[in-house]
Amino acid sequence: MRVVPCIVMIGALAPIQLAAADAEEGARVYKDKCVACHGKEGAPLAPFAKIGVKDISDPEWQDSKGDEEIRKAVAEGTPETLMRAFSKELEPDQIDALVAFIRTLRREPARD
């Protein structure tokens, strides 16, 4: 009887550990590949913003982009912008972790 709760507990913890590992990987990839243009918290420095680098922490930007759209932009780049393709540098699971991390950068909308 005591073995069952133990097994259930181990099974219940596995997704949490996996999610933490994904978040850690996404943060690492972001720091390595994205922070120079998009800034530490998703908002580019003024010179980058002036040349069109998106503020990916902006709630309006976050709401306007689906995960698949972000994934595609990371993998393939965005034509006629500075966003280059990373599909040759990152594995699909790294891109997925990065997309999840980008979602954590969403800042609260400004209140009127």
PDB file of N, CA and C in Angstrom:
ATOM      1  N   MET A   1       0.817  -1.198   0.000  1.00  0.00           N
ATOM      2  CA  MET A   1       0.000   0.000   0.000  1.00  0.00           C
ATOM      3  C   MET A   1       0.862   1.265   0.000  1.00  0.00           C
ATOM      4  N   ARG A   2       1.948   1.301   0.703  1.00  0.00           N
ATOM      5  CA  ARG A   2       2.793   2.496   0.765  1.00  0.00           C
ATOM      6  C   ARG A   2       3.599   2.707  -0.514  1.00  0.00           C
ATOM      7  N   VAL A   3       3.805   1.658  -1.276  1.00  0.00           N
ATOM      8  CA  VAL A   3       4.570   1.768  -2.523  1.00  0.00           C
ATOM      9  C   VAL A   3       3.819   2.615  -3.551  1.00  0.00           C
ATOM     10  N   VAL A   4       2.510   2.472  -3.627  1.00  0.00           N
ATOM     11  CA  VAL A   4       1.715   3.198  -4.622  1.00  0.00           C
ATOM     12  C   VAL A   4       1.867   4.707  -4.476  1.00  0.00           C
ATOM     13  N   PRO A   5       1.711   5.306  -3.273  1.00  0.00           N
ATOM     14  CA  PRO A   5       1.892   6.754  -3.164  1.00  0.00           C
ATOM     15  C   PRO A   5       3.297   7.194  -3.604  1.00  0.00           C
ATOM     16  N   CYS A   6       4.289   6.379  -3.321  1.00  0.00           N
ATOM     17  CA  CYS A   6       5.651   6.700  -3.714  1.00  0.00           C
ATOM     18  C   CYS A   6       5.777   6.761  -5.239  1.00  0.00           C
ATOM     19  N   ILE A   7       5.206   5.796  -5.916  1.00  0.00           N
ATOM     20  CA  ILE A   7       5.254   5.763  -7.378  1.00  0.00           C
ATOM     21  C   ILE A   7       4.482   6.950  -7.951  1.00  0.00           C
ATOM     22  N   VAL A   8       3.329   7.241  -7.389  1.00  0.00           N
ATOM     23  CA  VAL A   8       2.538   8.381  -7.850  1.00  0.00           C
ATOM     24  C   VAL A   8       3.320   9.670  -7.649  1.00  0.00           C
ATOM     25  N   MET A   9       3.985   9.792  -6.536  1.00  0.00           N
ATOM     26  CA  MET A   9       4.745  11.004  -6.249  1.00  0.00           C
ATOM     27  C   MET A   9       5.891  11.170  -7.241  1.00  0.00           C
ATOM     28  N   ILE A  10       6.601  10.110  -7.539  1.00  0.00           N
ATOM     29  CA  ILE A  10       7.696  10.190  -8.508  1.00  0.00           C
ATOM     30  C   ILE A  10       7.147  10.592  -9.873  1.00  0.00           C
ATOM     31  N   GLY A  11       6.062   9.978 -10.291  1.00  0.00           N
ATOM     32  CA  GLY A  11       5.451  10.319 -11.571  1.00  0.00           C
ATOM     33  C   GLY A  11       4.963  11.754 -11.604  1.00  0.00           C
ATOM     34  N   ALA A  12       4.481  12.256 -10.493  1.00  0.00           N
ATOM     35  CA  ALA A  12       3.985  13.627 -10.433  1.00  0.00           C
ATOM     36  C   ALA A  12       5.124  14.635 -10.508  1.00  0.00           C
ATOM     37  N   LEU A  13       6.304  14.282 -10.044  1.00  0.00           N
ATOM     38  CA  LEU A  13       7.430  15.211 -10.056  1.00  0.00           C
ATOM     39  C   LEU A  13       8.138  15.265 -11.396  1.00  0.00           C
ATOM     40  N   ALA A  14       8.057  14.230 -12.176  1.00  0.00           N
ATOM     41  CA  ALA A  14       8.797  14.183 -13.440  1.00  0.00           C
ATOM     42  C   ALA A  14       8.495  15.359 -14.366  1.00  0.00           C
ATOM     43  N   PRO A  15       7.221  15.723 -14.629  1.00  0.00           N
ATOM     44  CA  PRO A  15       6.966  16.856 -15.518  1.00  0.00           C
ATOM     45  C   PRO A  15       7.523  18.165 -14.977  1.00  0.00           C
ATOM     46  N   ILE A  16       7.491  18.348 -13.653  1.00  0.00           N
ATOM     47  CA  ILE A  16       8.022  19.565 -13.054  1.00  0.00           C
ATOM     48  C   ILE A  16       9.519  19.662 -13.305  1.00  0.00           C
ATOM     49  N   GLN A  17      10.241  18.558 -13.130  1.00  0.00           N
ATOM     50  CA  GLN A  17      11.670  18.566 -13.368  1.00  0.00           C
ATOM     51  C   GLN A  17      11.973  18.810 -14.842  1.00  0.00           C
ATOM     52  N   LEU A  18      11.202  18.221 -15.732  1.00  0.00           N
ATOM     53  CA  LEU A  18      11.394  18.423 -17.153  1.00  0.00           C
ATOM     54  C   LEU A  18      11.131  19.881 -17.513  1.00  0.00           C
ATOM     55  N   ALA A  19      10.081  20.468 -16.992  1.00  0.00           N
ATOM     56  CA  ALA A  19       9.763  21.867 -17.276  1.00  0.00           C
ATOM     57  C   ALA A  19      10.877  22.783 -16.781  1.00  0.00           C
ATOM     58  N   ALA A  20      11.440  22.492 -15.610  1.00  0.00           N
ATOM     59  CA  ALA A  20      12.540  23.301 -15.079  1.00  0.00           C
ATOM     60  C   ALA A  20      13.765  23.183 -15.972  1.00  0.00           C
ATOM     61  N   ALA A  21      14.042  21.983 -16.471  1.00  0.00           N
ATOM     62  CA  ALA A  21      15.182  21.781 -17.366  1.00  0.00           C
ATOM     63  C   ALA A  21      14.966  22.533 -18.671  1.00  0.00           C
ATOM     64  N   ASP A  22      13.738  22.507 -19.212  1.00  0.00           N
ATOM     65  CA  ASP A  22      13.429  23.242 -20.431  1.00  0.00           C
ATOM     66  C   ASP A  22      13.607  24.742 -20.226  1.00  0.00           C
ATOM     67  N   ALA A  23      13.123  25.262 -19.106  1.00  0.00           N
ATOM     68  CA  ALA A  23      13.249  26.687 -18.819  1.00  0.00           C
ATOM     69  C   ALA A  23      14.717  27.077 -18.706  1.00  0.00           C
ATOM     70  N   GLU A  24      15.500  26.236 -18.070  1.00  0.00           N
ATOM     71  CA  GLU A  24      16.931  26.498 -17.927  1.00  0.00           C
ATOM     72  C   GLU A  24      17.609  26.503 -19.294  1.00  0.00           C
ATOM     73  N   GLU A  25      17.275  25.541 -20.136  1.00  0.00           N
ATOM     74  CA  GLU A  25      17.843  25.472 -21.482  1.00  0.00           C
ATOM     75  C   GLU A  25      17.412  26.679 -22.305  1.00  0.00           C
ATOM     76  N   GLY A  26      16.147  27.060 -22.227  1.00  0.00           N
ATOM     77  CA  GLY A  26      15.658  28.228 -22.949  1.00  0.00           C
ATOM     78  C   GLY A  26      16.368  29.501 -22.525  1.00  0.00           C
ATOM     79  N   ALA A  27      16.589  29.656 -21.226  1.00  0.00           N
ATOM     80  CA  ALA A  27      17.308  30.833 -20.712  1.00  0.00           C
ATOM     81  C   ALA A  27      18.752  30.842 -21.206  1.00  0.00           C
ATOM     82  N   ARG A  28      19.380  29.672 -21.234  1.00  0.00           N
ATOM     83  CA  ARG A  28      20.760  29.580 -21.707  1.00  0.00           C
ATOM     84  C   ARG A  28      20.851  29.957 -23.185  1.00  0.00           C
ATOM     85  N   VAL A  29      19.945  29.423 -23.989  1.00  0.00           N
ATOM     86  CA  VAL A  29      19.935  29.722 -25.425  1.00  0.00           C
ATOM     87  C   VAL A  29      19.665  31.211 -25.640  1.00  0.00           C
ATOM     88  N   TYR A  30      18.721  31.764 -24.909  1.00  0.00           N
ATOM     89  CA  TYR A  30      18.406  33.189 -25.039  1.00  0.00           C
ATOM     90  C   TYR A  30      19.643  34.034 -24.728  1.00  0.00           C
ATOM     91  N   LYS A  31      20.298  33.720 -23.643  1.00  0.00           N
ATOM     92  CA  LYS A  31      21.492  34.483 -23.252  1.00  0.00           C
ATOM     93  C   LYS A  31      22.575  34.378 -24.322  1.00  0.00           C
ATOM     94  N   ASP A  32      22.726  33.199 -24.899  1.00  0.00           N
ATOM     95  CA  ASP A  32      23.768  32.952 -25.892  1.00  0.00           C
ATOM     96  C   ASP A  32      23.445  33.551 -27.259  1.00  0.00           C
ATOM     97  N   LYS A  33      22.194  33.465 -27.682  1.00  0.00           N
ATOM     98  CA  LYS A  33      21.838  33.815 -29.064  1.00  0.00           C
ATOM     99  C   LYS A  33      21.008  35.092 -29.224  1.00  0.00           C
ATOM    100  N   CYS A  34      20.302  35.531 -28.189  1.00  0.00           N
ATOM    101  CA  CYS A  34      19.288  36.573 -28.371  1.00  0.00           C
ATOM    102  C   CYS A  34      19.541  37.879 -27.617  1.00  0.00           C
ATOM    103  N   VAL A  35      20.220  37.785 -26.497  1.00  0.00           N
ATOM    104  CA  VAL A  35      20.317  38.941 -25.607  1.00  0.00           C
ATOM    105  C   VAL A  35      21.017  40.141 -26.249  1.00  0.00           C
ATOM    106  N   ALA A  36      21.954  39.920 -27.155  1.00  0.00           N
ATOM    107  CA  ALA A  36      22.672  41.041 -27.771  1.00  0.00           C
ATOM    108  C   ALA A  36      21.720  41.982 -28.513  1.00  0.00           C
ATOM    109  N   CYS A  37      20.716  41.441 -29.158  1.00  0.00           N
ATOM    110  CA  CYS A  37      19.760  42.271 -29.905  1.00  0.00           C
ATOM    111  C   CYS A  37      18.498  42.582 -29.107  1.00  0.00           C
ATOM    112  N   HIS A  38      17.960  41.584 -28.407  1.00  0.00           N
ATOM    113  CA  HIS A  38      16.668  41.745 -27.737  1.00  0.00           C
ATOM    114  C   HIS A  38      16.787  42.165 -26.276  1.00  0.00           C
ATOM    115  N   GLY A  39      17.998  42.304 -25.771  1.00  0.00           N
ATOM    116  CA  GLY A  39      18.171  42.743 -24.393  1.00  0.00           C
ATOM    117  C   GLY A  39      17.941  41.639 -23.384  1.00  0.00           C
ATOM    118  N   LYS A  40      18.425  41.875 -22.189  1.00  0.00           N
ATOM    119  CA  LYS A  40      18.368  40.876 -21.116  1.00  0.00           C
ATOM    120  C   LYS A  40      16.936  40.460 -20.771  1.00  0.00           C
ATOM    121  N   GLU A  41      16.004  41.405 -20.852  1.00  0.00           N
ATOM    122  CA  GLU A  41      14.624  41.116 -20.464  1.00  0.00           C
ATOM    123  C   GLU A  41      13.645  41.200 -21.627  1.00  0.00           C
ATOM    124  N   GLY A  42      14.180  41.178 -22.861  1.00  0.00           N
ATOM    125  CA  GLY A  42      13.316  41.167 -24.037  1.00  0.00           C
ATOM    126  C   GLY A  42      13.134  42.510 -24.712  1.00  0.00           C
ATOM    127  N   ALA A  43      13.537  43.591 -24.044  1.00  0.00           N
ATOM    128  CA  ALA A  43      13.413  44.935 -24.613  1.00  0.00           C
ATOM    129  C   ALA A  43      14.782  45.370 -25.130  1.00  0.00           C
ATOM    130  N   PRO A  44      14.903  45.628 -26.431  1.00  0.00           N
ATOM    131  CA  PRO A  44      16.202  45.997 -26.984  1.00  0.00           C
ATOM    132  C   PRO A  44      16.659  47.372 -26.504  1.00  0.00           C
ATOM    133  N   LEU A  45      17.964  47.568 -26.505  1.00  0.00           N
ATOM    134  CA  LEU A  45      18.505  48.888 -26.214  1.00  0.00           C
ATOM    135  C   LEU A  45      18.053  49.846 -27.312  1.00  0.00           C
ATOM    136  N   ALA A  46      18.018  51.137 -27.012  1.00  0.00           N
ATOM    137  CA  ALA A  46      17.494  52.150 -27.936  1.00  0.00           C
ATOM    138  C   ALA A  46      18.071  52.057 -29.352  1.00  0.00           C
ATOM    139  N   PRO A  47      19.399  51.896 -29.525  1.00  0.00           N
ATOM    140  CA  PRO A  47      19.910  51.823 -30.904  1.00  0.00           C
ATOM    141  C   PRO A  47      19.341  50.635 -31.691  1.00  0.00           C
ATOM    142  N   PHE A  48      19.135  49.511 -31.032  1.00  0.00           N
ATOM    143  CA  PHE A  48      18.554  48.341 -31.701  1.00  0.00           C
ATOM    144  C   PHE A  48      17.066  48.559 -31.972  1.00  0.00           C
ATOM    145  N   ALA A  49      16.372  49.172 -31.022  1.00  0.00           N
ATOM    146  CA  ALA A  49      14.947  49.457 -31.217  1.00  0.00           C
ATOM    147  C   ALA A  49      14.762  50.393 -32.415  1.00  0.00           C
ATOM    148  N   LYS A  50      15.649  51.362 -32.564  1.00  0.00           N
ATOM    149  CA  LYS A  50      15.550  52.320 -33.678  1.00  0.00           C
ATOM    150  C   LYS A  50      15.704  51.658 -35.039  1.00  0.00           C
ATOM    151  N   ILE A  51      16.408  50.543 -35.089  1.00  0.00           N
ATOM    152  CA  ILE A  51      16.586  49.863 -36.383  1.00  0.00           C
ATOM    153  C   ILE A  51      15.627  48.686 -36.549  1.00  0.00           C
ATOM    154  N   GLY A  52      14.629  48.613 -35.669  1.00  0.00           N
ATOM    155  CA  GLY A  52      13.543  47.666 -35.870  1.00  0.00           C
ATOM    156  C   GLY A  52      13.562  46.385 -35.064  1.00  0.00           C
ATOM    157  N   VAL A  53      14.507  46.238 -34.137  1.00  0.00           N
ATOM    158  CA  VAL A  53      14.505  45.032 -33.297  1.00  0.00           C
ATOM    159  C   VAL A  53      13.293  45.094 -32.369  1.00  0.00           C
ATOM    160  N   LYS A  54      12.520  44.035 -32.370  1.00  0.00           N
ATOM    161  CA  LYS A  54      11.265  43.993 -31.618  1.00  0.00           C
ATOM    162  C   LYS A  54      11.487  43.858 -30.118  1.00  0.00           C
ATOM    163  N   ASP A  55      10.575  44.476 -29.370  1.00  0.00           N
ATOM    164  CA  ASP A  55      10.522  44.315 -27.923  1.00  0.00           C
ATOM    165  C   ASP A  55       9.661  43.082 -27.669  1.00  0.00           C
ATOM    166  N   ILE A  56      10.312  41.958 -27.441  1.00  0.00           N
ATOM    167  CA  ILE A  56       9.574  40.707 -27.295  1.00  0.00           C
ATOM    168  C   ILE A  56       8.981  40.522 -25.899  1.00  0.00           C
ATOM    169  N   SER A  57       9.192  41.511 -25.025  1.00  0.00           N
ATOM    170  CA  SER A  57       8.535  41.488 -23.718  1.00  0.00           C
ATOM    171  C   SER A  57       7.217  42.260 -23.749  1.00  0.00           C
ATOM    172  N   ASP A  58       6.978  42.988 -24.828  1.00  0.00           N
ATOM    173  CA  ASP A  58       5.775  43.795 -24.975  1.00  0.00           C
ATOM    174  C   ASP A  58       4.535  42.901 -25.006  1.00  0.00           C
ATOM    175  N   PRO A  59       3.556  43.167 -24.139  1.00  0.00           N
ATOM    176  CA  PRO A  59       2.359  42.325 -24.109  1.00  0.00           C
ATOM    177  C   PRO A  59       1.621  42.284 -25.449  1.00  0.00           C
ATOM    178  N   GLU A  60       1.586  43.402 -26.169  1.00  0.00           N
ATOM    179  CA  GLU A  60       0.923  43.409 -27.471  1.00  0.00           C
ATOM    180  C   GLU A  60       1.656  42.495 -28.452  1.00  0.00           C
ATOM    181  N   TRP A  61       2.989  42.532 -28.448  1.00  0.00           N
ATOM    182  CA  TRP A  61       3.763  41.650 -29.319  1.00  0.00           C
ATOM    183  C   TRP A  61       3.510  40.201 -28.926  1.00  0.00           C
ATOM    184  N   GLN A  62       3.591  39.920 -27.626  1.00  0.00           N
ATOM    185  CA  GLN A  62       3.373  38.560 -27.127  1.00  0.00           C
ATOM    186  C   GLN A  62       1.997  38.037 -27.536  1.00  0.00           C
ATOM    187  N   ASP A  63       0.968  38.894 -27.422  1.00  0.00           N
ATOM    188  CA  ASP A  63      -0.397  38.473 -27.775  1.00  0.00           C
ATOM    189  C   ASP A  63      -0.574  38.275 -29.272  1.00  0.00           C
ATOM    190  N   SER A  64       0.228  38.974 -30.065  1.00  0.00           N
ATOM    191  CA  SER A  64       0.056  38.912 -31.517  1.00  0.00           C
ATOM    192  C   SER A  64       0.792  37.741 -32.169  1.00  0.00           C
ATOM    193  N   LYS A  65       1.616  37.044 -31.416  1.00  0.00           N
ATOM    194  CA  LYS A  65       2.429  35.954 -31.969  1.00  0.00           C
ATOM    195  C   LYS A  65       2.082  34.634 -31.300  1.00  0.00           C
ATOM    196  N   GLY A  66       1.796  33.638 -32.115  1.00  0.00           N
ATOM    197  CA  GLY A  66       1.613  32.284 -31.604  1.00  0.00           C
ATOM    198  C   GLY A  66       2.976  31.617 -31.434  1.00  0.00           C
ATOM    199  N   ASP A  67       3.016  30.553 -30.659  1.00  0.00           N
ATOM    200  CA  ASP A  67       4.277  29.840 -30.437  1.00  0.00           C
ATOM    201  C   ASP A  67       4.882  29.360 -31.754  1.00  0.00           C
ATOM    202  N   GLU A  68       4.040  28.866 -32.653  1.00  0.00           N
ATOM    203  CA  GLU A  68       4.546  28.357 -33.929  1.00  0.00           C
ATOM    204  C   GLU A  68       5.163  29.485 -34.760  1.00  0.00           C
ATOM    205  N   GLU A  69       4.583  30.657 -34.700  1.00  0.00           N
ATOM    206  CA  GLU A  69       5.126  31.814 -35.428  1.00  0.00           C
ATOM    207  C   GLU A  69       6.489  32.222 -34.867  1.00  0.00           C
ATOM    208  N   ILE A  70       6.625  32.205 -33.556  1.00  0.00           N
ATOM    209  CA  ILE A  70       7.915  32.527 -32.935  1.00  0.00           C
ATOM    210  C   ILE A  70       8.938  31.455 -33.294  1.00  0.00           C
ATOM    211  N   ARG A  71       8.519  30.200 -33.194  1.00  0.00           N
ATOM    212  CA  ARG A  71       9.394  29.074 -33.530  1.00  0.00           C
ATOM    213  C   ARG A  71       9.913  29.217 -34.968  1.00  0.00           C
ATOM    214  N   LYS A  72       9.025  29.561 -35.900  1.00  0.00           N
ATOM    215  CA  LYS A  72       9.406  29.718 -37.294  1.00  0.00           C
ATOM    216  C   LYS A  72      10.378  30.882 -37.474  1.00  0.00           C
ATOM    217  N   ALA A  73      10.125  31.989 -36.798  1.00  0.00           N
ATOM    218  CA  ALA A  73      11.019  33.147 -36.902  1.00  0.00           C
ATOM    219  C   ALA A  73      12.411  32.813 -36.378  1.00  0.00           C
ATOM    220  N   VAL A  74      12.477  32.065 -35.289  1.00  0.00           N
ATOM    221  CA  VAL A  74      13.781  31.670 -34.735  1.00  0.00           C
ATOM    222  C   VAL A  74      14.482  30.718 -35.700  1.00  0.00           C
ATOM    223  N   ALA A  75      13.763  29.744 -36.201  1.00  0.00           N
ATOM    224  CA  ALA A  75      14.365  28.736 -37.082  1.00  0.00           C
ATOM    225  C   ALA A  75      14.760  29.306 -38.442  1.00  0.00           C
ATOM    226  N   GLU A  76      13.860  30.080 -39.045  1.00  0.00           N
ATOM    227  CA  GLU A  76      14.054  30.518 -40.426  1.00  0.00           C
ATOM    228  C   GLU A  76      14.475  31.975 -40.581  1.00  0.00           C
ATOM    229  N   GLY A  77      14.414  32.745 -39.499  1.00  0.00           N
ATOM    230  CA  GLY A  77      14.675  34.178 -39.601  1.00  0.00           C
ATOM    231  C   GLY A  77      13.445  34.890 -40.134  1.00  0.00           C
ATOM    232  N   THR A  78      13.537  36.207 -40.217  1.00  0.00           N
ATOM    233  CA  THR A  78      12.439  37.008 -40.731  1.00  0.00           C
ATOM    234  C   THR A  78      12.968  37.871 -41.867  1.00  0.00           C
ATOM    235  N   PRO A  79      12.496  37.648 -43.094  1.00  0.00           N
ATOM    236  CA  PRO A  79      12.991  38.420 -44.233  1.00  0.00           C
ATOM    237  C   PRO A  79      12.831  39.932 -44.023  1.00  0.00           C
ATOM    238  N   GLU A  80      13.772  40.658 -44.560  1.00  0.00           N
ATOM    239  CA  GLU A  80      13.783  42.114 -44.524  1.00  0.00           C
ATOM    240  C   GLU A  80      13.862  42.692 -43.120  1.00  0.00           C
ATOM    241  N   THR A  81      14.386  41.902 -42.187  1.00  0.00           N
ATOM    242  CA  THR A  81      14.666  42.387 -40.828  1.00  0.00           C
ATOM    243  C   THR A  81      16.052  41.886 -40.444  1.00  0.00           C
ATOM    244  N   LEU A  82      16.476  42.243 -39.254  1.00  0.00           N
ATOM    245  CA  LEU A  82      17.765  41.763 -38.758  1.00  0.00           C
ATOM    246  C   LEU A  82      17.680  40.361 -38.155  1.00  0.00           C
ATOM    247  N   MET A  83      16.462  39.821 -38.042  1.00  0.00           N
ATOM    248  CA  MET A  83      16.281  38.500 -37.434  1.00  0.00           C
ATOM    249  C   MET A  83      16.791  37.421 -38.373  1.00  0.00           C
ATOM    250  N   ARG A  84      17.904  36.790 -37.958  1.00  0.00           N
ATOM    251  CA  ARG A  84      18.498  35.748 -38.786  1.00  0.00           C
ATOM    252  C   ARG A  84      17.997  34.373 -38.370  1.00  0.00           C
ATOM    253  N   ALA A  85      18.248  33.387 -39.204  1.00  0.00           N
ATOM    254  CA  ALA A  85      17.832  32.006 -38.943  1.00  0.00           C
ATOM    255  C   ALA A  85      18.806  31.313 -38.004  1.00  0.00           C
ATOM    256  N   PHE A  86      18.259  30.492 -37.109  1.00  0.00           N
ATOM    257  CA  PHE A  86      19.077  29.739 -36.159  1.00  0.00           C
ATOM    258  C   PHE A  86      18.927  28.229 -36.317  1.00  0.00           C
ATOM    259  N   SER A  87      18.235  27.774 -37.363  1.00  0.00           N
ATOM    260  CA  SER A  87      17.970  26.343 -37.508  1.00  0.00           C
ATOM    261  C   SER A  87      19.236  25.506 -37.673  1.00  0.00           C
ATOM    262  N   LYS A  88      20.308  26.084 -38.161  1.00  0.00           N
ATOM    263  CA  LYS A  88      21.553  25.339 -38.326  1.00  0.00           C
ATOM    264  C   LYS A  88      22.399  25.341 -37.053  1.00  0.00           C
ATOM    265  N   GLU A  89      22.027  26.187 -36.092  1.00  0.00           N
ATOM    266  CA  GLU A  89      22.775  26.285 -34.839  1.00  0.00           C
ATOM    267  C   GLU A  89      22.061  25.653 -33.655  1.00  0.00           C
ATOM    268  N   LEU A  90      20.738  25.564 -33.748  1.00  0.00           N
ATOM    269  CA  LEU A  90      19.941  25.076 -32.623  1.00  0.00           C
ATOM    270  C   LEU A  90      19.138  23.841 -33.027  1.00  0.00           C
ATOM    271  N   GLU A  91      19.034  22.917 -32.105  1.00  0.00           N
ATOM    272  CA  GLU A  91      18.195  21.732 -32.286  1.00  0.00           C
ATOM    273  C   GLU A  91      16.730  22.132 -32.081  1.00  0.00           C
ATOM    274  N   PRO A  92      15.799  21.382 -32.665  1.00  0.00           N
ATOM    275  CA  PRO A  92      14.377  21.714 -32.488  1.00  0.00           C
ATOM    276  C   PRO A  92      13.957  21.823 -31.019  1.00  0.00           C
ATOM    277  N   ASP A  93      14.477  20.948 -30.154  1.00  0.00           N
ATOM    278  CA  ASP A  93      14.098  21.032 -28.741  1.00  0.00           C
ATOM    279  C   ASP A  93      14.662  22.282 -28.084  1.00  0.00           C
ATOM    280  N   GLN A  94      15.806  22.777 -28.554  1.00  0.00           N
ATOM    281  CA  GLN A  94      16.350  24.031 -28.041  1.00  0.00           C
ATOM    282  C   GLN A  94      15.467  25.206 -28.476  1.00  0.00           C
ATOM    283  N   ILE A  95      14.976  25.159 -29.697  1.00  0.00           N
ATOM    284  CA  ILE A  95      14.087  26.214 -30.177  1.00  0.00           C
ATOM    285  C   ILE A  95      12.787  26.192 -29.385  1.00  0.00           C
ATOM    286  N   ASP A  96      12.256  25.011 -29.104  1.00  0.00           N
ATOM    287  CA  ASP A  96      11.041  24.903 -28.287  1.00  0.00           C
ATOM    288  C   ASP A  96      11.273  25.484 -26.893  1.00  0.00           C
ATOM    289  N   ALA A  97      12.416  25.172 -26.295  1.00  0.00           N
ATOM    290  CA  ALA A  97      12.746  25.702 -24.964  1.00  0.00           C
ATOM    291  C   ALA A  97      12.885  27.227 -25.025  1.00  0.00           C
ATOM    292  N   LEU A  98      13.468  27.719 -26.103  1.00  0.00           N
ATOM    293  CA  LEU A  98      13.618  29.161 -26.277  1.00  0.00           C
ATOM    294  C   LEU A  98      12.261  29.838 -26.391  1.00  0.00           C
ATOM    295  N   VAL A  99      11.356  29.269 -27.158  1.00  0.00           N
ATOM    296  CA  VAL A  99      10.006  29.835 -27.288  1.00  0.00           C
ATOM    297  C   VAL A  99       9.333  29.893 -25.920  1.00  0.00           C
ATOM    298  N   ALA A 100       9.454  28.833 -25.153  1.00  0.00           N
ATOM    299  CA  ALA A 100       8.869  28.813 -23.805  1.00  0.00           C
ATOM    300  C   ALA A 100       9.493  29.899 -22.939  1.00  0.00           C
ATOM    301  N   PHE A 101      10.809  30.074 -23.044  1.00  0.00           N
ATOM    302  CA  PHE A 101      11.473  31.113 -22.256  1.00  0.00           C
ATOM    303  C   PHE A 101      11.028  32.509 -22.696  1.00  0.00           C
ATOM    304  N   ILE A 102      10.893  32.720 -23.995  1.00  0.00           N
ATOM    305  CA  ILE A 102      10.443  34.021 -24.500  1.00  0.00           C
ATOM    306  C   ILE A 102       9.088  34.375 -23.895  1.00  0.00           C
ATOM    307  N   ARG A 103       8.240  33.396 -23.723  1.00  0.00           N
ATOM    308  CA  ARG A 103       6.931  33.650 -23.102  1.00  0.00           C
ATOM    309  C   ARG A 103       7.074  34.149 -21.663  1.00  0.00           C
ATOM    310  N   THR A 104       8.140  33.772 -20.978  1.00  0.00           N
ATOM    311  CA  THR A 104       8.336  34.228 -19.595  1.00  0.00           C
ATOM    312  C   THR A 104       8.777  35.685 -19.541  1.00  0.00           C
ATOM    313  N   LEU A 105       9.195  36.243 -20.658  1.00  0.00           N
ATOM    314  CA  LEU A 105       9.675  37.628 -20.690  1.00  0.00           C
ATOM    315  C   LEU A 105       8.539  38.641 -20.754  1.00  0.00           C
ATOM    316  N   ARG A 106       7.329  38.182 -20.983  1.00  0.00           N
ATOM    317  CA  ARG A 106       6.174  39.088 -21.089  1.00  0.00           C
ATOM    318  C   ARG A 106       6.077  39.966 -19.846  1.00  0.00           C
ATOM    319  N   ARG A 107       6.044  41.268 -20.071  1.00  0.00           N
ATOM    320  CA  ARG A 107       5.874  42.186 -18.942  1.00  0.00           C
ATOM    321  C   ARG A 107       4.400  42.543 -18.805  1.00  0.00           C
ATOM    322  N   GLU A 108       4.038  43.045 -17.665  1.00  0.00           N
ATOM    323  CA  GLU A 108       2.652  43.439 -17.418  1.00  0.00           C
ATOM    324  C   GLU A 108       2.306  44.658 -18.277  1.00  0.00           C
ATOM    325  N   PRO A 109       1.093  44.707 -18.825  1.00  0.00           N
ATOM    326  CA  PRO A 109       0.698  45.865 -19.616  1.00  0.00           C
ATOM    327  C   PRO A 109       0.647  47.120 -18.752  1.00  0.00           C
ATOM    328  N   ALA A 110       0.914  48.263 -19.371  1.00  0.00           N
ATOM    329  CA  ALA A 110       0.844  49.534 -18.645  1.00  0.00           C
ATOM    330  C   ALA A 110      -0.598  49.798 -18.257  1.00  0.00           C
ATOM    331  N   ARG A 111      -0.781  50.301 -17.079  1.00  0.00           N
ATOM    332  CA  ARG A 111      -2.139  50.622 -16.609  1.00  0.00           C
ATOM    333  C   ARG A 111      -2.387  52.100 -16.843  1.00  0.00           C
ATOM    334  N   ASP A 112      -3.616  52.397 -17.254  1.00  0.00           N
ATOM    335  CA  ASP A 112      -3.995  53.805 -17.518  1.00  0.00           C
ATOM    336  C   ASP A 112      -4.217  54.576 -16.253  1.00  0.00           C
TER     337      ASP A 112
END
